[in-house]
C-alpha atoms as a PDB file:
ATOM      1  CA  MET A   1      33.516  -7.519  16.411  1.00  0.00           C
ATOM      2  CA  LEU A   2      30.398  -6.090  18.050  1.00  0.00           C
ATOM      3  CA  ILE A   3      27.505  -5.776  15.605  1.00  0.00           C
ATOM      4  CA  THR A   4      24.936  -3.213  16.749  1.00  0.00           C
ATOM      5  CA  GLU A   5      22.675  -3.085  13.687  1.00  0.00           C
ATOM      6  CA  THR A   6      20.282  -5.844  12.697  1.00  0.00           C
ATOM      7  CA  THR A   7      21.978  -7.834   9.942  1.00  0.00           C
ATOM      8  CA  ALA A   8      20.420  -9.685   7.035  1.00  0.00           C
ATOM      9  CA  GLY A   9      21.425 -12.911   8.778  1.00  0.00           C
ATOM     10  CA  GLU A  10      19.603 -12.030  11.980  1.00  0.00           C
ATOM     11  CA  ARG A  11      16.523 -10.984  10.019  1.00  0.00           C
ATOM     12  CA  PHE A  12      16.734 -14.259   8.058  1.00  0.00           C
ATOM     13  CA  ALA A  13      17.011 -16.343  11.250  1.00  0.00           C
ATOM     14  CA  ARG A  14      14.055 -14.618  12.904  1.00  0.00           C
ATOM     15  CA  ALA A  15      11.856 -14.846   9.781  1.00  0.00           C
ATOM     16  CA  PHE A  16      12.802 -18.520   9.290  1.00  0.00           C
ATOM     17  CA  LEU A  17      12.054 -19.412  12.912  1.00  0.00           C
ATOM     18  CA  ALA A  18       8.710 -17.585  12.681  1.00  0.00           C
ATOM     19  CA  LYS A  19       7.937 -19.524   9.472  1.00  0.00           C
ATOM     20  CA  ASP A  20       7.477 -16.129   7.813  1.00  0.00           C
ATOM     21  CA  TRP A  21       8.162 -17.383   4.288  1.00  0.00           C
ATOM     22  CA  ASN A  22       7.334 -14.011   2.682  1.00  0.00           C
ATOM     23  CA  GLY A  23       9.806 -12.358   5.040  1.00  0.00           C
ATOM     24  CA  VAL A  24      12.459 -14.945   4.172  1.00  0.00           C
ATOM     25  CA  ALA A  25      11.814 -14.415   0.450  1.00  0.00           C
ATOM     26  CA  THR A  26      12.383 -10.656   0.722  1.00  0.00           C
ATOM     27  CA  LEU A  27      15.817 -11.308   2.248  1.00  0.00           C
ATOM     28  CA  LEU A  28      16.985 -13.751  -0.427  1.00  0.00           C
ATOM     29  CA  ASP A  29      18.204 -13.018  -3.925  1.00  0.00           C
ATOM     30  CA  PRO A  30      15.844 -14.826  -6.339  1.00  0.00           C
ATOM     31  CA  GLN A  31      18.862 -16.817  -7.605  1.00  0.00           C
ATOM     32  CA  VAL A  32      20.358 -17.533  -4.164  1.00  0.00           C
ATOM     33  CA  ASP A  33      23.129 -20.144  -4.088  1.00  0.00           C
ATOM     34  CA  PHE A  34      22.282 -22.420  -1.152  1.00  0.00           C
ATOM     35  CA  ARG A  35      23.987 -25.448   0.383  1.00  0.00           C
ATOM     36  CA  GLY A  36      22.994 -26.983   3.702  1.00  0.00           C
ATOM     37  CA  LEU A  37      23.909 -29.939   5.860  1.00  0.00           C
ATOM     38  CA  THR A  38      21.654 -31.624   8.396  1.00  0.00           C
ATOM     39  CA  PRO A  39      22.357 -34.913  10.159  1.00  0.00           C
ATOM     40  CA  GLY A  40      22.202 -37.502   7.416  1.00  0.00           C
ATOM     41  CA  ARG A  41      21.527 -35.251   4.429  1.00  0.00           C
ATOM     42  CA  ALA A  42      22.995 -32.557   2.216  1.00  0.00           C
ATOM     43  CA  TRP A  43      20.610 -29.977   0.710  1.00  0.00           C
ATOM     44  CA  GLU A  44      20.934 -27.658  -2.289  1.00  0.00           C
ATOM     45  CA  ALA A  45      18.815 -24.972  -3.902  1.00  0.00           C
ATOM     46  CA  SER A  46      19.506 -22.418  -6.597  1.00  0.00           C
ATOM     47  CA  THR A  47      16.437 -20.222  -6.243  1.00  0.00           C
ATOM     48  CA  ALA A  48      14.770 -18.545  -3.298  1.00  0.00           C
ATOM     49  CA  GLU A  49      11.497 -20.292  -4.120  1.00  0.00           C
ATOM     50  CA  ASP A  50      13.123 -23.745  -4.104  1.00  0.00           C
ATOM     51  CA  LEU A  51      15.021 -22.963  -0.914  1.00  0.00           C
ATOM     52  CA  ILE A  52      11.798 -22.029   0.873  1.00  0.00           C
ATOM     53  CA  GLN A  53       9.554 -24.744  -0.601  1.00  0.00           C
ATOM     54  CA  GLN A  54      11.995 -27.664  -0.780  1.00  0.00           C
ATOM     55  CA  VAL A  55      14.274 -27.006   2.195  1.00  0.00           C
ATOM     56  CA  LEU A  56      13.298 -24.488   4.867  1.00  0.00           C
ATOM     57  CA  SER A  57       9.615 -25.417   5.075  1.00  0.00           C
ATOM     58  CA  ARG A  58      10.703 -29.043   5.460  1.00  0.00           C
ATOM     59  CA  TRP A  59      13.256 -28.237   8.151  1.00  0.00           C
ATOM     60  CA  ILE A  60      10.550 -26.546  10.207  1.00  0.00           C
ATOM     61  CA  GLU A  61       7.283 -28.190   9.261  1.00  0.00           C
ATOM     62  CA  PRO A  62       3.808 -26.742   9.829  1.00  0.00           C
ATOM     63  CA  SER A  63       3.353 -29.039  12.851  1.00  0.00           C
ATOM     64  CA  ASP A  64       6.600 -27.807  14.466  1.00  0.00           C
ATOM     65  CA  ASP A  65       6.043 -25.141  17.117  1.00  0.00           C
ATOM     66  CA  VAL A  66       9.136 -22.963  17.536  1.00  0.00           C
ATOM     67  CA  HIS A  67       8.222 -21.767  21.002  1.00  0.00           C
ATOM     68  CA  GLU A  68      11.498 -20.114  22.027  1.00  0.00           C
ATOM     69  CA  VAL A  69      14.359 -18.422  20.238  1.00  0.00           C
ATOM     70  CA  ILE A  70      17.164 -18.976  22.735  1.00  0.00           C
ATOM     71  CA  ASP A  71      19.837 -16.912  21.029  1.00  0.00           C
ATOM     72  CA  VAL A  72      20.771 -15.215  17.774  1.00  0.00           C
ATOM     73  CA  ALA A  73      24.361 -14.046  17.363  1.00  0.00           C
ATOM     74  CA  THR A  74      25.958 -12.518  14.310  1.00  0.00           C
ATOM     75  CA  ASP A  75      29.482 -11.661  13.295  1.00  0.00           C
ATOM     76  CA  ARG A  76      31.583 -10.888  10.262  1.00  0.00           C
ATOM     77  CA  ILE A  77      34.576 -12.926   9.128  1.00  0.00           C
ATOM     78  CA  ALA A  78      36.472 -10.791   6.606  1.00  0.00           C
ATOM     79  CA  ASP A  79      33.917 -10.288   3.803  1.00  0.00           C
ATOM     80  CA  ARG A  80      31.582 -13.106   4.893  1.00  0.00           C
ATOM     81  CA  TRP A  81      28.818 -12.899   7.485  1.00  0.00           C
ATOM     82  CA  ARG A  82      27.903 -15.512  10.072  1.00  0.00           C
ATOM     83  CA  VAL A  83      24.741 -15.945  12.092  1.00  0.00           C
ATOM     84  CA  VAL A  84      24.200 -18.614  14.741  1.00  0.00           C
ATOM     85  CA  TYR A  85      20.741 -19.260  16.118  1.00  0.00           C
ATOM     86  CA  ARG A  86      19.502 -21.704  18.725  1.00  0.00           C
ATOM     87  CA  PHE A  87      15.847 -22.449  19.331  1.00  0.00           C
ATOM     88  CA  ARG A  88      13.378 -24.745  21.049  1.00  0.00           C
ATOM     89  CA  VAL A  89      10.791 -26.598  19.047  1.00  0.00           C
ATOM     90  CA  ARG A  90       7.891 -28.789  20.048  1.00  0.00           C
ATOM     91  CA  ASN A  91       6.092 -31.327  17.873  1.00  0.00           C
ATOM     92  CA  ARG A  92       4.271 -34.673  18.166  1.00  0.00           C
ATOM     93  CA  SER A  93       7.599 -36.388  18.880  1.00  0.00           C
ATOM     94  CA  GLY A  94       8.459 -34.192  21.883  1.00  0.00           C
ATOM     95  CA  ASP A  95      10.503 -31.150  22.888  1.00  0.00           C
ATOM     96  CA  PHE A  96      13.757 -30.415  21.106  1.00  0.00           C
ATOM     97  CA  VAL A  97      16.554 -27.892  20.881  1.00  0.00           C
ATOM     98  CA  CYS A  98      18.300 -27.094  17.608  1.00  0.00           C
ATOM     99  CA  GLU A  99      21.170 -24.878  16.529  1.00  0.00           C
ATOM    100  CA  GLN A 100      22.111 -23.718  13.074  1.00  0.00           C
ATOM    101  CA  THR A 101      25.146 -21.804  11.882  1.00  0.00           C
ATOM    102  CA  ALA A 102      24.824 -19.931   8.609  1.00  0.00           C
ATOM    103  CA  TYR A 103      27.542 -18.271   6.566  1.00  0.00           C
ATOM    104  CA  TYR A 104      26.318 -15.873   3.921  1.00  0.00           C
ATOM    105  CA  ASP A 105      27.212 -13.137   1.460  1.00  0.00           C
ATOM    106  CA  THR A 106      24.998 -10.244   0.439  1.00  0.00           C
ATOM    107  CA  ASP A 107      24.809  -7.880  -2.498  1.00  0.00           C
ATOM    108  CA  GLY A 108      24.236  -5.125   0.051  1.00  0.00           C
ATOM    109  CA  GLU A 109      20.502  -5.791   0.240  1.00  0.00           C
ATOM    110  CA  ARG A 110      19.808  -9.498  -0.157  1.00  0.00           C
ATOM    111  CA  ILE A 111      21.522 -12.773   0.658  1.00  0.00           C
ATOM    112  CA  ILE A 112      23.158 -14.157  -2.493  1.00  0.00           C
ATOM    113  CA  THR A 113      25.007 -17.169  -1.049  1.00  0.00           C
ATOM    114  CA  LEU A 114      23.986 -19.131   2.018  1.00  0.00           C
ATOM    115  CA  ARG A 115      25.645 -22.124   3.701  1.00  0.00           C
ATOM    116  CA  VAL A 116      23.891 -23.663   6.714  1.00  0.00           C
ATOM    117  CA  LEU A 117      25.044 -26.356   9.134  1.00  0.00           C
ATOM    118  CA  CYS A 118      22.321 -27.782  11.393  1.00  0.00           C
ATOM    119  CA  SER A 119      22.677 -29.761  14.623  1.00  0.00           C
ATOM    120  CA  GLY A 120      19.360 -31.499  14.024  1.00  0.00           C
ATOM    121  CA  PHE A 121      16.537 -31.650  16.557  1.00  0.00           C
ATOM    122  CA  LEU A 122      18.072 -32.854  19.830  1.00  0.00           C
ATOM    123  CA  PRO A 123      16.054 -33.853  22.908  1.00  0.00           C
ATOM    124  CA  ALA A 124      15.617 -30.726  25.005  1.00  0.00           C
ATOM    125  CA  ALA A 125      17.291 -30.532  28.385  1.00  0.00           C
ATOM    126  CA  GLU A 126      16.107 -28.149  31.088  1.00  0.00           C
ATOM    127  CA  ARG A 127      18.097 -25.252  29.547  1.00  0.00           C
ATOM    128  CA  GLY A 128      20.580 -25.084  26.713  1.00  0.00           C
END
């Protein structure tokens, strides 16, 4: 399915990668149901504030420089949305590439459930 409008998932991905926490907050229901999986850890949050403060701002820390958004792709699977985003990040430990896949539901305006699977920060190759 070709999606031509900007979805909540794409807006979420771009705000998250820009560390625009106010922008992320406007996209999330205050009582968002969140589950996430990164290499070695499962994450949960039941409010937008906790998701931002206890999860997202730890996934991309202040010292992490997201210097390239490689791709953002979105699709719908029946009644559920999916967004996949890949990005390059630089920090004191080096250059990395990361990909996350998020499945989410909306109430028409805001994201009410969000499930994210993260590849982790992987050493960056020339492209990819």
